[in-house]
Amino acid sequence: MEAQAKQDKDALRNAQAQLKQARAAVSRAEIELGAVTADGIVAKVAEAHANLDQARWNLAQTSITASSNGYVTNLALAFGQRVTSFPIAPTMVFAETSEKTLVVNIQQIYMRHLKPGQEVEIALKTKPGEIMTGKVRLVAEIAPQGQAMVSGTVYTAGQIQAEPFVARIDLDDPALLEALPPGAVGTAAIYTEAVKPTHIIRRVMIRMQSIMNYVIPPL
């Protein structure tokens, strides 16, 4: 009889504890139902709608689109992989082909002779034996040495070097530029107003360079 009485007491305490938990759950539900937004929507319902909208937005971001024409050269992104807003490593390499630019490195000592509109001849490694012609469009008078990282150290004279500037070239035949692969390298001759009698020598030299591109690819 004592053992049965102890079991009945334990059962009563468990039932009372469950009743207390149920009453607490009812109280929480009544509080949540009583909490409404300024629009009169139950806060819990508004929260559920917000979570649903966030899930839909996250799903919409799983599609990767390019902002311009181009192609992917190295894809490291797999289906189901999560991409963060601050990735440690890129998920792909995208080569943009919507616009190509032909540029020439110009040593600073020659900058005083350059002007837009001057004639240019180019011998590219990808087109041995051919000469492409064009005009100087503009000269970007800035080099990497013109930039400085904010720090507590003053630059010394030994850290400054005469880096080349860049001139942008417009080809006479725009279709040739469209056909060039990005990264094509070659030699360019810009015919300035200085020392005009030597231009004929430079024209011969660049044509020799174009022919030598058949047999000397590394240079």
N, C-alpha and C. Protein backbone atom coordinates (compact mmCIF):
# COMPACT_ATOMS: atom_id res chain seq x y z
N MET A 1 0.83 -1.21 0.00
CA MET A 1 0.00 0.00 0.00
C MET A 1 0.86 1.25 0.00
N GLU A 2 1.96 1.27 0.76
CA GLU A 2 2.83 2.44 0.80
C GLU A 2 3.47 2.69 -0.57
N ALA A 3 3.88 1.60 -1.21
CA ALA A 3 4.49 1.75 -2.54
C ALA A 3 3.49 2.32 -3.53
N GLN A 4 2.25 1.85 -3.45
CA GLN A 4 1.23 2.36 -4.36
C GLN A 4 0.95 3.83 -4.09
N ALA A 5 0.95 4.22 -2.81
CA ALA A 5 0.71 5.63 -2.45
C ALA A 5 1.84 6.51 -2.98
N LYS A 6 3.09 6.01 -2.92
CA LYS A 6 4.22 6.79 -3.43
C LYS A 6 4.09 6.98 -4.94
N GLN A 7 3.70 5.94 -5.65
CA GLN A 7 3.54 6.05 -7.10
C GLN A 7 2.44 7.05 -7.45
N ASP A 8 1.35 7.00 -6.65
CA ASP A 8 0.25 7.94 -6.92
C ASP A 8 0.69 9.38 -6.68
N LYS A 9 1.51 9.60 -5.66
CA LYS A 9 2.01 10.95 -5.38
C LYS A 9 2.92 11.44 -6.51
N ASP A 10 3.79 10.54 -6.99
CA ASP A 10 4.68 10.91 -8.10
C ASP A 10 3.88 11.25 -9.36
N ALA A 11 2.83 10.45 -9.60
CA ALA A 11 1.98 10.71 -10.76
C ALA A 11 1.28 12.04 -10.63
N LEU A 12 0.83 12.35 -9.37
CA LEU A 12 0.16 13.63 -9.14
C LEU A 12 1.10 14.80 -9.38
N ARG A 13 2.37 14.67 -8.90
CA ARG A 13 3.34 15.74 -9.11
C ARG A 13 3.65 15.93 -10.60
N ASN A 14 3.75 14.83 -11.33
CA ASN A 14 4.01 14.93 -12.78
C ASN A 14 2.85 15.61 -13.49
N ALA A 15 1.61 15.22 -13.07
CA ALA A 15 0.43 15.82 -13.68
C ALA A 15 0.37 17.31 -13.38
N GLN A 16 0.73 17.69 -12.15
CA GLN A 16 0.72 19.11 -11.79
C GLN A 16 1.79 19.89 -12.59
N ALA A 17 2.96 19.26 -12.76
CA ALA A 17 4.02 19.92 -13.53
C ALA A 17 3.59 20.11 -14.99
N GLN A 18 2.96 19.09 -15.58
CA GLN A 18 2.49 19.20 -16.95
C GLN A 18 1.42 20.26 -17.08
N LEU A 19 0.53 20.34 -16.05
CA LEU A 19 -0.50 21.36 -16.07
C LEU A 19 0.11 22.75 -16.01
N LYS A 20 1.16 22.90 -15.20
CA LYS A 20 1.83 24.19 -15.10
C LYS A 20 2.48 24.58 -16.42
N GLN A 21 3.11 23.60 -17.07
CA GLN A 21 3.73 23.87 -18.36
C GLN A 21 2.68 24.24 -19.41
N ALA A 22 1.54 23.53 -19.36
CA ALA A 22 0.48 23.83 -20.32
C ALA A 22 -0.06 25.24 -20.11
N ARG A 23 -0.25 25.62 -18.82
CA ARG A 23 -0.76 26.96 -18.53
C ARG A 23 0.25 28.03 -19.00
N ALA A 24 1.58 27.73 -18.83
CA ALA A 24 2.60 28.66 -19.28
C ALA A 24 2.57 28.80 -20.80
N ALA A 25 2.36 27.68 -21.49
CA ALA A 25 2.29 27.73 -22.95
C ALA A 25 1.08 28.54 -23.41
N VAL A 26 -0.06 28.35 -22.69
CA VAL A 26 -1.26 29.12 -23.03
C VAL A 26 -1.00 30.61 -22.81
N SER A 27 -0.33 30.93 -21.71
CA SER A 27 -0.03 32.34 -21.40
C SER A 27 0.85 32.95 -22.49
N ARG A 28 1.88 32.19 -22.94
CA ARG A 28 2.76 32.70 -24.00
C ARG A 28 2.00 32.91 -25.29
N ALA A 29 1.10 31.95 -25.59
CA ALA A 29 0.31 32.07 -26.81
C ALA A 29 -0.61 33.28 -26.74
N GLU A 30 -1.22 33.51 -25.55
CA GLU A 30 -2.10 34.67 -25.41
C GLU A 30 -1.33 35.99 -25.55
N ILE A 31 -0.08 35.98 -25.00
CA ILE A 31 0.75 37.18 -25.13
C ILE A 31 1.13 37.43 -26.59
N GLU A 32 1.52 36.34 -27.29
CA GLU A 32 1.91 36.48 -28.70
C GLU A 32 0.73 36.91 -29.56
N LEU A 33 -0.47 36.36 -29.26
CA LEU A 33 -1.65 36.76 -30.02
C LEU A 33 -2.05 38.19 -29.72
N GLY A 34 -1.73 38.64 -28.51
CA GLY A 34 -2.07 40.00 -28.15
C GLY A 34 -1.10 41.03 -28.70
N ALA A 35 0.13 40.57 -29.10
CA ALA A 35 1.13 41.49 -29.65
C ALA A 35 0.86 41.67 -31.13
N VAL A 36 0.54 42.89 -31.53
CA VAL A 36 0.22 43.20 -32.92
C VAL A 36 1.11 44.33 -33.40
N THR A 37 1.27 44.40 -34.71
CA THR A 37 2.06 45.47 -35.30
C THR A 37 1.21 46.71 -35.47
N ALA A 38 1.83 47.79 -35.98
CA ALA A 38 1.08 49.03 -36.18
C ALA A 38 -0.03 48.86 -37.20
N ASP A 39 0.10 47.85 -38.07
CA ASP A 39 -0.92 47.59 -39.09
C ASP A 39 -2.03 46.68 -38.57
N GLY A 40 -1.93 46.27 -37.31
CA GLY A 40 -2.95 45.40 -36.75
C GLY A 40 -2.73 43.93 -37.01
N ILE A 41 -1.54 43.55 -37.49
CA ILE A 41 -1.23 42.15 -37.77
C ILE A 41 -0.56 41.54 -36.55
N VAL A 42 -0.95 40.31 -36.22
CA VAL A 42 -0.32 39.61 -35.11
C VAL A 42 1.17 39.52 -35.36
N ALA A 43 1.97 39.84 -34.33
CA ALA A 43 3.42 39.91 -34.50
C ALA A 43 3.99 38.59 -34.99
N LYS A 44 3.50 37.47 -34.46
CA LYS A 44 4.01 36.17 -34.89
C LYS A 44 3.72 35.92 -36.37
N VAL A 45 2.55 36.32 -36.81
CA VAL A 45 2.19 36.15 -38.22
C VAL A 45 3.08 37.03 -39.09
N ALA A 46 3.32 38.29 -38.63
CA ALA A 46 4.20 39.19 -39.38
C ALA A 46 5.61 38.64 -39.46
N GLU A 47 6.07 38.02 -38.36
CA GLU A 47 7.41 37.43 -38.35
C GLU A 47 7.50 36.27 -39.34
N ALA A 48 6.44 35.46 -39.38
CA ALA A 48 6.42 34.33 -40.31
C ALA A 48 6.45 34.81 -41.76
N HIS A 49 5.68 35.89 -42.05
CA HIS A 49 5.70 36.44 -43.40
C HIS A 49 7.08 36.99 -43.75
N ALA A 50 7.75 37.65 -42.78
CA ALA A 50 9.09 38.18 -43.02
C ALA A 50 10.08 37.06 -43.30
N ASN A 51 9.99 35.96 -42.55
CA ASN A 51 10.87 34.82 -42.79
C ASN A 51 10.62 34.21 -44.16
N LEU A 52 9.36 34.17 -44.57
CA LEU A 52 9.03 33.64 -45.89
C LEU A 52 9.59 34.53 -46.99
N ASP A 53 9.46 35.84 -46.83
CA ASP A 53 10.02 36.77 -47.83
C ASP A 53 11.54 36.65 -47.91
N GLN A 54 12.19 36.48 -46.74
CA GLN A 54 13.64 36.32 -46.73
C GLN A 54 14.06 35.04 -47.44
N ALA A 55 13.31 33.95 -47.21
CA ALA A 55 13.62 32.68 -47.86
C ALA A 55 13.44 32.79 -49.37
N ARG A 56 12.39 33.48 -49.80
CA ARG A 56 12.19 33.67 -51.24
C ARG A 56 13.31 34.50 -51.85
N TRP A 57 13.75 35.54 -51.13
CA TRP A 57 14.84 36.38 -51.64
C TRP A 57 16.14 35.59 -51.74
N ASN A 58 16.43 34.77 -50.71
CA ASN A 58 17.63 33.94 -50.74
C ASN A 58 17.61 32.98 -51.93
N LEU A 59 16.43 32.43 -52.22
CA LEU A 59 16.30 31.52 -53.36
C LEU A 59 16.55 32.26 -54.67
N ALA A 60 16.07 33.50 -54.75
CA ALA A 60 16.27 34.28 -55.98
C ALA A 60 17.73 34.59 -56.22
N GLN A 61 18.54 34.67 -55.15
CA GLN A 61 19.96 34.99 -55.30
C GLN A 61 20.81 33.79 -55.70
N THR A 62 20.21 32.64 -55.84
CA THR A 62 20.99 31.46 -56.22
C THR A 62 21.31 31.43 -57.71
N SER A 63 20.68 32.30 -58.48
CA SER A 63 20.99 32.39 -59.91
C SER A 63 22.13 33.39 -60.11
N ILE A 64 23.17 32.98 -60.83
CA ILE A 64 24.33 33.84 -61.09
C ILE A 64 24.24 34.36 -62.52
N THR A 65 24.23 35.66 -62.65
CA THR A 65 24.16 36.28 -63.97
C THR A 65 25.34 37.22 -64.15
N ALA A 66 25.76 37.41 -65.38
CA ALA A 66 26.87 38.31 -65.69
C ALA A 66 26.32 39.69 -66.04
N SER A 67 27.05 40.70 -65.64
CA SER A 67 26.63 42.08 -65.92
C SER A 67 27.02 42.54 -67.32
N SER A 68 27.80 41.73 -68.03
CA SER A 68 28.23 42.09 -69.38
C SER A 68 28.55 40.82 -70.15
N ASN A 69 28.89 40.97 -71.43
CA ASN A 69 29.24 39.82 -72.25
C ASN A 69 30.61 39.29 -71.84
N GLY A 70 30.77 37.97 -71.92
CA GLY A 70 32.04 37.37 -71.56
C GLY A 70 31.90 35.87 -71.38
N TYR A 71 32.92 35.27 -70.77
CA TYR A 71 32.88 33.82 -70.54
C TYR A 71 33.68 33.50 -69.28
N VAL A 72 33.38 32.33 -68.72
CA VAL A 72 34.03 31.87 -67.50
C VAL A 72 35.19 30.96 -67.87
N THR A 73 36.38 31.24 -67.32
CA THR A 73 37.56 30.44 -67.63
C THR A 73 37.89 29.43 -66.54
N ASN A 74 37.46 29.66 -65.31
CA ASN A 74 37.78 28.75 -64.21
C ASN A 74 36.61 28.75 -63.24
N LEU A 75 35.80 27.71 -63.30
CA LEU A 75 34.59 27.62 -62.47
C LEU A 75 34.84 26.73 -61.27
N ALA A 76 34.71 27.31 -60.06
CA ALA A 76 34.88 26.54 -58.82
C ALA A 76 33.58 26.49 -58.04
N LEU A 77 32.46 26.80 -58.67
CA LEU A 77 31.16 26.84 -58.01
C LEU A 77 30.36 25.61 -58.38
N ALA A 78 29.89 24.89 -57.36
CA ALA A 78 29.10 23.68 -57.58
C ALA A 78 27.68 23.89 -57.07
N PHE A 79 26.76 23.07 -57.56
CA PHE A 79 25.36 23.17 -57.15
C PHE A 79 25.23 22.91 -55.66
N GLY A 80 24.53 23.81 -54.97
CA GLY A 80 24.35 23.68 -53.54
C GLY A 80 25.41 24.35 -52.70
N GLN A 81 26.47 24.84 -53.34
CA GLN A 81 27.53 25.51 -52.58
C GLN A 81 27.08 26.89 -52.13
N ARG A 82 27.43 27.27 -50.92
CA ARG A 82 27.05 28.56 -50.37
C ARG A 82 28.14 29.58 -50.67
N VAL A 83 27.73 30.73 -51.18
CA VAL A 83 28.66 31.82 -51.49
C VAL A 83 28.39 32.96 -50.52
N THR A 84 29.40 33.40 -49.82
CA THR A 84 29.24 34.48 -48.85
C THR A 84 29.48 35.83 -49.50
N SER A 85 29.05 36.89 -48.82
CA SER A 85 29.23 38.24 -49.35
C SER A 85 30.69 38.68 -49.29
N PHE A 86 31.50 38.01 -48.47
CA PHE A 86 32.93 38.32 -48.38
C PHE A 86 33.71 37.02 -48.55
N PRO A 87 33.82 36.53 -49.78
CA PRO A 87 34.45 35.22 -49.99
C PRO A 87 35.95 35.26 -49.75
N ILE A 88 36.47 34.16 -49.24
CA ILE A 88 37.90 34.02 -49.05
C ILE A 88 38.58 33.79 -50.40
N ALA A 89 37.91 33.09 -51.28
CA ALA A 89 38.45 32.81 -52.62
C ALA A 89 37.34 32.99 -53.64
N PRO A 90 37.65 33.46 -54.84
CA PRO A 90 36.62 33.64 -55.87
C PRO A 90 36.05 32.30 -56.32
N THR A 91 34.78 32.30 -56.70
CA THR A 91 34.14 31.07 -57.15
C THR A 91 34.30 30.84 -58.64
N MET A 92 34.75 31.86 -59.37
CA MET A 92 34.97 31.70 -60.80
C MET A 92 35.81 32.86 -61.31
N VAL A 93 36.37 32.67 -62.50
CA VAL A 93 37.10 33.74 -63.19
C VAL A 93 36.29 34.12 -64.42
N PHE A 94 35.86 35.40 -64.48
CA PHE A 94 35.01 35.86 -65.58
C PHE A 94 35.80 36.81 -66.47
N ALA A 95 35.90 36.45 -67.74
CA ALA A 95 36.59 37.29 -68.72
C ALA A 95 35.56 38.12 -69.48
N GLU A 96 35.63 39.43 -69.30
CA GLU A 96 34.68 40.32 -69.96
C GLU A 96 35.12 40.61 -71.38
N THR A 97 34.19 40.51 -72.32
CA THR A 97 34.50 40.76 -73.72
C THR A 97 33.64 41.86 -74.32
N SER A 98 32.89 42.58 -73.48
CA SER A 98 32.00 43.61 -74.00
C SER A 98 32.77 44.78 -74.59
N GLU A 99 33.96 45.05 -74.06
CA GLU A 99 34.77 46.16 -74.57
C GLU A 99 36.23 45.81 -74.47
N LYS A 100 36.98 46.03 -75.55
CA LYS A 100 38.41 45.78 -75.55
C LYS A 100 39.14 47.10 -75.75
N THR A 101 40.29 47.21 -75.13
CA THR A 101 41.09 48.42 -75.21
C THR A 101 42.52 48.05 -75.56
N LEU A 102 43.08 48.77 -76.51
CA LEU A 102 44.47 48.57 -76.92
C LEU A 102 45.31 49.68 -76.30
N VAL A 103 46.28 49.30 -75.48
CA VAL A 103 47.11 50.29 -74.79
C VAL A 103 48.58 50.03 -75.06
N VAL A 104 49.37 51.09 -74.94
CA VAL A 104 50.81 51.02 -75.17
C VAL A 104 51.52 51.65 -73.99
N ASN A 105 52.53 50.96 -73.47
CA ASN A 105 53.35 51.53 -72.40
C ASN A 105 54.34 52.54 -72.98
N ILE A 106 54.38 53.74 -72.40
CA ILE A 106 55.26 54.81 -72.87
C ILE A 106 56.18 55.22 -71.73
N GLN A 107 57.47 55.13 -71.96
CA GLN A 107 58.42 55.58 -70.96
C GLN A 107 58.29 57.09 -70.75
N GLN A 108 58.50 57.52 -69.52
CA GLN A 108 58.26 58.92 -69.17
C GLN A 108 59.14 59.89 -69.97
N ILE A 109 60.31 59.48 -70.38
CA ILE A 109 61.20 60.37 -71.11
C ILE A 109 60.61 60.78 -72.46
N TYR A 110 59.70 59.95 -73.01
CA TYR A 110 59.11 60.23 -74.32
C TYR A 110 57.76 60.92 -74.23
N MET A 111 57.27 61.13 -73.03
CA MET A 111 55.93 61.69 -72.87
C MET A 111 55.83 63.09 -73.47
N ARG A 112 56.90 63.84 -73.47
CA ARG A 112 56.85 65.23 -73.95
C ARG A 112 56.54 65.32 -75.44
N HIS A 113 56.70 64.21 -76.17
CA HIS A 113 56.47 64.23 -77.61
C HIS A 113 55.08 63.74 -78.00
N LEU A 114 54.34 63.13 -77.06
CA LEU A 114 53.07 62.48 -77.41
C LEU A 114 51.92 63.46 -77.46
N LYS A 115 51.03 63.25 -78.48
CA LYS A 115 49.81 64.03 -78.62
C LYS A 115 48.71 63.12 -79.18
N PRO A 116 47.47 63.35 -78.82
CA PRO A 116 46.37 62.59 -79.43
C PRO A 116 46.33 62.82 -80.93
N GLY A 117 46.02 61.76 -81.67
CA GLY A 117 45.92 61.86 -83.13
C GLY A 117 47.17 61.43 -83.87
N GLN A 118 48.26 61.17 -83.17
CA GLN A 118 49.49 60.77 -83.84
C GLN A 118 49.38 59.35 -84.39
N GLU A 119 50.07 59.11 -85.49
CA GLU A 119 50.00 57.82 -86.17
C GLU A 119 50.73 56.74 -85.37
N VAL A 120 50.16 55.52 -85.40
CA VAL A 120 50.73 54.39 -84.66
C VAL A 120 50.77 53.17 -85.58
N GLU A 121 51.86 52.43 -85.51
CA GLU A 121 51.97 51.12 -86.17
C GLU A 121 52.28 50.07 -85.11
N ILE A 122 51.62 48.92 -85.23
CA ILE A 122 51.73 47.88 -84.20
C ILE A 122 52.01 46.54 -84.85
N ALA A 123 52.97 45.81 -84.26
CA ALA A 123 53.28 44.44 -84.68
C ALA A 123 52.98 43.52 -83.49
N LEU A 124 51.97 42.68 -83.61
CA LEU A 124 51.54 41.80 -82.51
C LEU A 124 52.08 40.39 -82.69
N LYS A 125 52.33 39.73 -81.57
CA LYS A 125 52.78 38.35 -81.60
C LYS A 125 51.72 37.42 -82.19
N THR A 126 50.45 37.76 -82.00
CA THR A 126 49.39 36.90 -82.51
C THR A 126 49.20 37.05 -84.02
N LYS A 127 49.81 38.09 -84.62
CA LYS A 127 49.69 38.31 -86.07
C LYS A 127 51.06 38.58 -86.67
N PRO A 128 51.93 37.57 -86.69
CA PRO A 128 53.27 37.77 -87.27
C PRO A 128 53.18 38.10 -88.75
N GLY A 129 54.06 39.01 -89.17
CA GLY A 129 54.09 39.41 -90.57
C GLY A 129 53.08 40.48 -90.94
N GLU A 130 52.25 40.92 -89.96
CA GLU A 130 51.23 41.94 -90.24
C GLU A 130 51.52 43.21 -89.43
N ILE A 131 51.12 44.34 -89.99
CA ILE A 131 51.24 45.63 -89.33
C ILE A 131 49.84 46.23 -89.18
N MET A 132 49.47 46.55 -87.96
CA MET A 132 48.19 47.20 -87.69
C MET A 132 48.43 48.69 -87.49
N THR A 133 47.55 49.50 -88.02
CA THR A 133 47.71 50.95 -87.93
C THR A 133 46.58 51.55 -87.10
N GLY A 134 46.87 52.71 -86.53
CA GLY A 134 45.87 53.39 -85.72
C GLY A 134 46.34 54.78 -85.34
N LYS A 135 45.64 55.36 -84.36
CA LYS A 135 45.94 56.71 -83.89
C LYS A 135 45.95 56.71 -82.36
N VAL A 136 46.74 57.62 -81.80
CA VAL A 136 46.74 57.82 -80.35
C VAL A 136 45.43 58.49 -79.96
N ARG A 137 44.67 57.85 -79.08
CA ARG A 137 43.41 58.44 -78.63
C ARG A 137 43.62 59.35 -77.42
N LEU A 138 44.30 58.84 -76.41
CA LEU A 138 44.59 59.64 -75.21
C LEU A 138 45.77 59.04 -74.48
N VAL A 139 46.33 59.83 -73.61
CA VAL A 139 47.46 59.39 -72.79
C VAL A 139 47.05 59.52 -71.33
N ALA A 140 47.08 58.41 -70.62
CA ALA A 140 46.76 58.42 -69.19
C ALA A 140 48.02 58.77 -68.42
N GLU A 141 48.11 60.01 -68.00
CA GLU A 141 49.33 60.48 -67.33
C GLU A 141 49.29 60.14 -65.84
N ILE A 142 49.31 58.87 -65.58
CA ILE A 142 49.37 58.38 -64.20
C ILE A 142 49.98 56.98 -64.24
N ALA A 143 50.75 56.66 -63.21
CA ALA A 143 51.42 55.37 -63.12
C ALA A 143 51.23 54.82 -61.71
N PRO A 144 51.53 53.54 -61.51
CA PRO A 144 51.39 52.97 -60.16
C PRO A 144 52.16 53.74 -59.09
N GLN A 145 53.28 54.36 -59.47
CA GLN A 145 54.06 55.11 -58.50
C GLN A 145 53.33 56.37 -58.05
N GLY A 146 52.27 56.77 -58.76
CA GLY A 146 51.50 57.93 -58.36
C GLY A 146 50.50 57.66 -57.26
N GLN A 147 50.42 56.39 -56.83
CA GLN A 147 49.50 56.02 -55.77
C GLN A 147 50.29 55.81 -54.48
N ALA A 148 49.63 56.03 -53.36
CA ALA A 148 50.29 55.86 -52.07
C ALA A 148 49.30 55.28 -51.07
N MET A 149 49.75 54.27 -50.36
CA MET A 149 48.95 53.70 -49.29
C MET A 149 49.11 54.56 -48.04
N VAL A 150 48.00 54.80 -47.35
CA VAL A 150 48.06 55.61 -46.13
C VAL A 150 48.80 54.83 -45.05
N SER A 151 49.87 55.42 -44.53
CA SER A 151 50.66 54.77 -43.49
C SER A 151 51.41 55.84 -42.71
N GLY A 152 52.14 55.41 -41.73
CA GLY A 152 52.94 56.34 -40.93
C GLY A 152 54.36 56.46 -41.41
N THR A 153 54.64 55.93 -42.60
CA THR A 153 56.01 55.95 -43.14
C THR A 153 56.09 56.92 -44.31
N VAL A 154 57.09 57.79 -44.29
CA VAL A 154 57.32 58.71 -45.39
C VAL A 154 58.11 58.00 -46.48
N TYR A 155 57.68 58.14 -47.73
CA TYR A 155 58.39 57.50 -48.83
C TYR A 155 59.78 58.09 -48.99
N THR A 156 60.74 57.22 -49.27
CA THR A 156 62.10 57.68 -49.53
C THR A 156 62.33 57.74 -51.03
N ALA A 157 63.38 58.46 -51.44
CA ALA A 157 63.67 58.62 -52.86
C ALA A 157 63.94 57.28 -53.54
N GLY A 158 64.47 56.33 -52.81
CA GLY A 158 64.79 55.04 -53.40
C GLY A 158 63.58 54.22 -53.76
N GLN A 159 62.41 54.56 -53.23
CA GLN A 159 61.20 53.81 -53.54
C GLN A 159 60.48 54.34 -54.77
N ILE A 160 60.89 55.46 -55.32
CA ILE A 160 60.23 56.05 -56.47
C ILE A 160 60.98 55.68 -57.74
N GLN A 161 60.27 55.09 -58.69
CA GLN A 161 60.87 54.69 -59.96
C GLN A 161 60.10 55.30 -61.11
N ALA A 162 60.76 55.40 -62.25
CA ALA A 162 60.14 55.99 -63.44
C ALA A 162 59.32 54.93 -64.16
N GLU A 163 58.13 54.68 -63.64
CA GLU A 163 57.23 53.71 -64.27
C GLU A 163 56.65 54.31 -65.55
N PRO A 164 56.38 53.48 -66.57
CA PRO A 164 55.81 54.01 -67.81
C PRO A 164 54.36 54.43 -67.65
N PHE A 165 53.96 55.38 -68.49
CA PHE A 165 52.57 55.76 -68.58
C PHE A 165 51.90 54.91 -69.68
N VAL A 166 50.61 55.11 -69.85
CA VAL A 166 49.85 54.30 -70.81
C VAL A 166 49.15 55.20 -71.81
N ALA A 167 49.27 54.85 -73.09
CA ALA A 167 48.56 55.55 -74.16
C ALA A 167 47.52 54.59 -74.75
N ARG A 168 46.31 55.09 -74.93
CA ARG A 168 45.24 54.29 -75.53
C ARG A 168 45.23 54.51 -77.03
N ILE A 169 45.13 53.40 -77.77
CA ILE A 169 45.22 53.45 -79.22
C ILE A 169 43.89 53.04 -79.85
N ASP A 170 43.45 53.79 -80.85
CA ASP A 170 42.29 53.42 -81.67
C ASP A 170 42.79 52.90 -83.00
N LEU A 171 42.46 51.66 -83.33
CA LEU A 171 42.87 51.09 -84.62
C LEU A 171 42.04 51.69 -85.75
N ASP A 172 42.66 51.80 -86.91
CA ASP A 172 41.93 52.31 -88.08
C ASP A 172 40.81 51.37 -88.48
N ASP A 173 41.00 50.07 -88.24
CA ASP A 173 39.96 49.07 -88.52
C ASP A 173 39.48 48.49 -87.19
N PRO A 174 38.33 48.97 -86.66
CA PRO A 174 37.85 48.47 -85.36
C PRO A 174 37.61 46.98 -85.34
N ALA A 175 37.35 46.37 -86.49
CA ALA A 175 37.11 44.93 -86.52
C ALA A 175 38.34 44.14 -86.09
N LEU A 176 39.53 44.69 -86.33
CA LEU A 176 40.75 44.01 -85.91
C LEU A 176 40.84 43.92 -84.39
N LEU A 177 40.40 44.98 -83.72
CA LEU A 177 40.42 44.98 -82.25
C LEU A 177 39.47 43.94 -81.69
N GLU A 178 38.30 43.80 -82.30
CA GLU A 178 37.33 42.81 -81.83
C GLU A 178 37.86 41.40 -81.97
N ALA A 179 38.72 41.18 -82.97
CA ALA A 179 39.25 39.84 -83.20
C ALA A 179 40.45 39.52 -82.32
N LEU A 180 41.02 40.51 -81.64
CA LEU A 180 42.21 40.28 -80.83
C LEU A 180 41.84 39.58 -79.52
N PRO A 181 42.62 38.58 -79.11
CA PRO A 181 42.38 37.96 -77.80
C PRO A 181 42.90 38.86 -76.68
N PRO A 182 42.22 38.95 -75.57
CA PRO A 182 42.72 39.74 -74.44
C PRO A 182 44.09 39.24 -73.98
N GLY A 183 45.00 40.16 -73.78
CA GLY A 183 46.35 39.79 -73.36
C GLY A 183 47.34 39.69 -74.50
N ALA A 184 46.91 39.98 -75.73
CA ALA A 184 47.83 39.95 -76.86
C ALA A 184 48.92 41.01 -76.66
N VAL A 185 50.17 40.66 -76.98
CA VAL A 185 51.33 41.51 -76.74
C VAL A 185 52.07 41.75 -78.04
N GLY A 186 52.67 42.91 -78.15
CA GLY A 186 53.45 43.22 -79.34
C GLY A 186 54.30 44.46 -79.16
N THR A 187 54.72 45.03 -80.28
CA THR A 187 55.56 46.23 -80.30
C THR A 187 54.83 47.32 -81.05
N ALA A 188 54.91 48.55 -80.54
CA ALA A 188 54.23 49.68 -81.17
C ALA A 188 55.23 50.79 -81.45
N ALA A 189 54.97 51.50 -82.54
CA ALA A 189 55.77 52.68 -82.90
C ALA A 189 54.82 53.85 -83.08
N ILE A 190 55.05 54.92 -82.32
CA ILE A 190 54.24 56.13 -82.42
C ILE A 190 55.09 57.20 -83.11
N TYR A 191 54.57 57.72 -84.21
CA TYR A 191 55.32 58.68 -85.01
C TYR A 191 54.94 60.10 -84.58
N THR A 192 55.82 60.70 -83.78
CA THR A 192 55.59 62.03 -83.24
C THR A 192 56.17 63.09 -84.18
N GLU A 193 56.13 64.33 -83.72
CA GLU A 193 56.69 65.44 -84.51
C GLU A 193 58.20 65.54 -84.34
N ALA A 194 58.76 64.79 -83.41
CA ALA A 194 60.19 64.88 -83.14
C ALA A 194 61.00 63.98 -84.07
N VAL A 195 62.08 64.47 -84.59
CA VAL A 195 63.06 63.73 -85.40
C VAL A 195 62.36 62.95 -86.52
N LYS A 196 61.62 63.65 -87.34
CA LYS A 196 60.86 62.99 -88.40
C LYS A 196 61.73 62.21 -89.39
N PRO A 197 62.94 62.67 -89.71
CA PRO A 197 63.75 61.90 -90.67
C PRO A 197 64.03 60.46 -90.24
N THR A 198 63.94 60.18 -88.92
CA THR A 198 64.20 58.81 -88.46
C THR A 198 62.97 57.92 -88.54
N HIS A 199 61.83 58.48 -88.93
CA HIS A 199 60.61 57.67 -88.98
C HIS A 199 60.72 56.52 -89.97
N ILE A 200 61.40 56.75 -91.08
CA ILE A 200 61.53 55.70 -92.10
C ILE A 200 62.31 54.52 -91.53
N ILE A 201 63.31 54.82 -90.69
CA ILE A 201 64.08 53.74 -90.06
C ILE A 201 63.20 52.94 -89.10
N ARG A 202 62.38 53.66 -88.33
CA ARG A 202 61.50 52.98 -87.38
C ARG A 202 60.46 52.14 -88.09
N ARG A 203 59.99 52.61 -89.24
CA ARG A 203 59.01 51.82 -90.00
C ARG A 203 59.63 50.52 -90.49
N VAL A 204 60.87 50.59 -90.91
CA VAL A 204 61.55 49.38 -91.36
C VAL A 204 61.77 48.42 -90.18
N MET A 205 62.15 48.99 -89.03
CA MET A 205 62.43 48.15 -87.86
C MET A 205 61.19 47.42 -87.37
N ILE A 206 60.05 48.10 -87.35
CA ILE A 206 58.84 47.43 -86.84
C ILE A 206 58.36 46.37 -87.81
N ARG A 207 58.61 46.57 -89.11
CA ARG A 207 58.24 45.52 -90.06
C ARG A 207 59.17 44.32 -89.94
N MET A 208 60.44 44.58 -89.65
CA MET A 208 61.36 43.47 -89.38
C MET A 208 60.94 42.73 -88.11
N GLN A 209 60.50 43.50 -87.11
CA GLN A 209 60.03 42.88 -85.87
C GLN A 209 58.82 42.00 -86.14
N SER A 210 57.91 42.46 -86.98
CA SER A 210 56.72 41.67 -87.30
C SER A 210 57.10 40.36 -87.98
N ILE A 211 58.08 40.40 -88.86
CA ILE A 211 58.52 39.17 -89.53
C ILE A 211 59.24 38.25 -88.55
N MET A 212 60.04 38.83 -87.67
CA MET A 212 60.75 38.02 -86.68
C MET A 212 59.80 37.34 -85.70
N ASN A 213 58.58 37.84 -85.60
CA ASN A 213 57.60 37.19 -84.72
C ASN A 213 57.30 35.76 -85.15
N TYR A 214 57.61 35.42 -86.41
CA TYR A 214 57.41 34.05 -86.86
C TYR A 214 58.38 33.10 -86.18
N VAL A 215 59.60 33.58 -85.89
CA VAL A 215 60.67 32.67 -85.45
C VAL A 215 61.15 32.96 -84.03
N ILE A 216 60.79 34.12 -83.44
CA ILE A 216 61.23 34.46 -82.09
C ILE A 216 60.00 34.77 -81.24
N PRO A 217 59.23 33.77 -80.83
CA PRO A 217 58.00 34.02 -80.07
C PRO A 217 58.21 34.62 -78.69
N PRO A 218 59.30 34.30 -77.94
CA PRO A 218 59.37 34.83 -76.58
C PRO A 218 59.62 36.32 -76.49
N LEU A 219 60.26 36.92 -77.48
CA LEU A 219 60.67 38.33 -77.37
C LEU A 219 59.58 39.28 -77.80
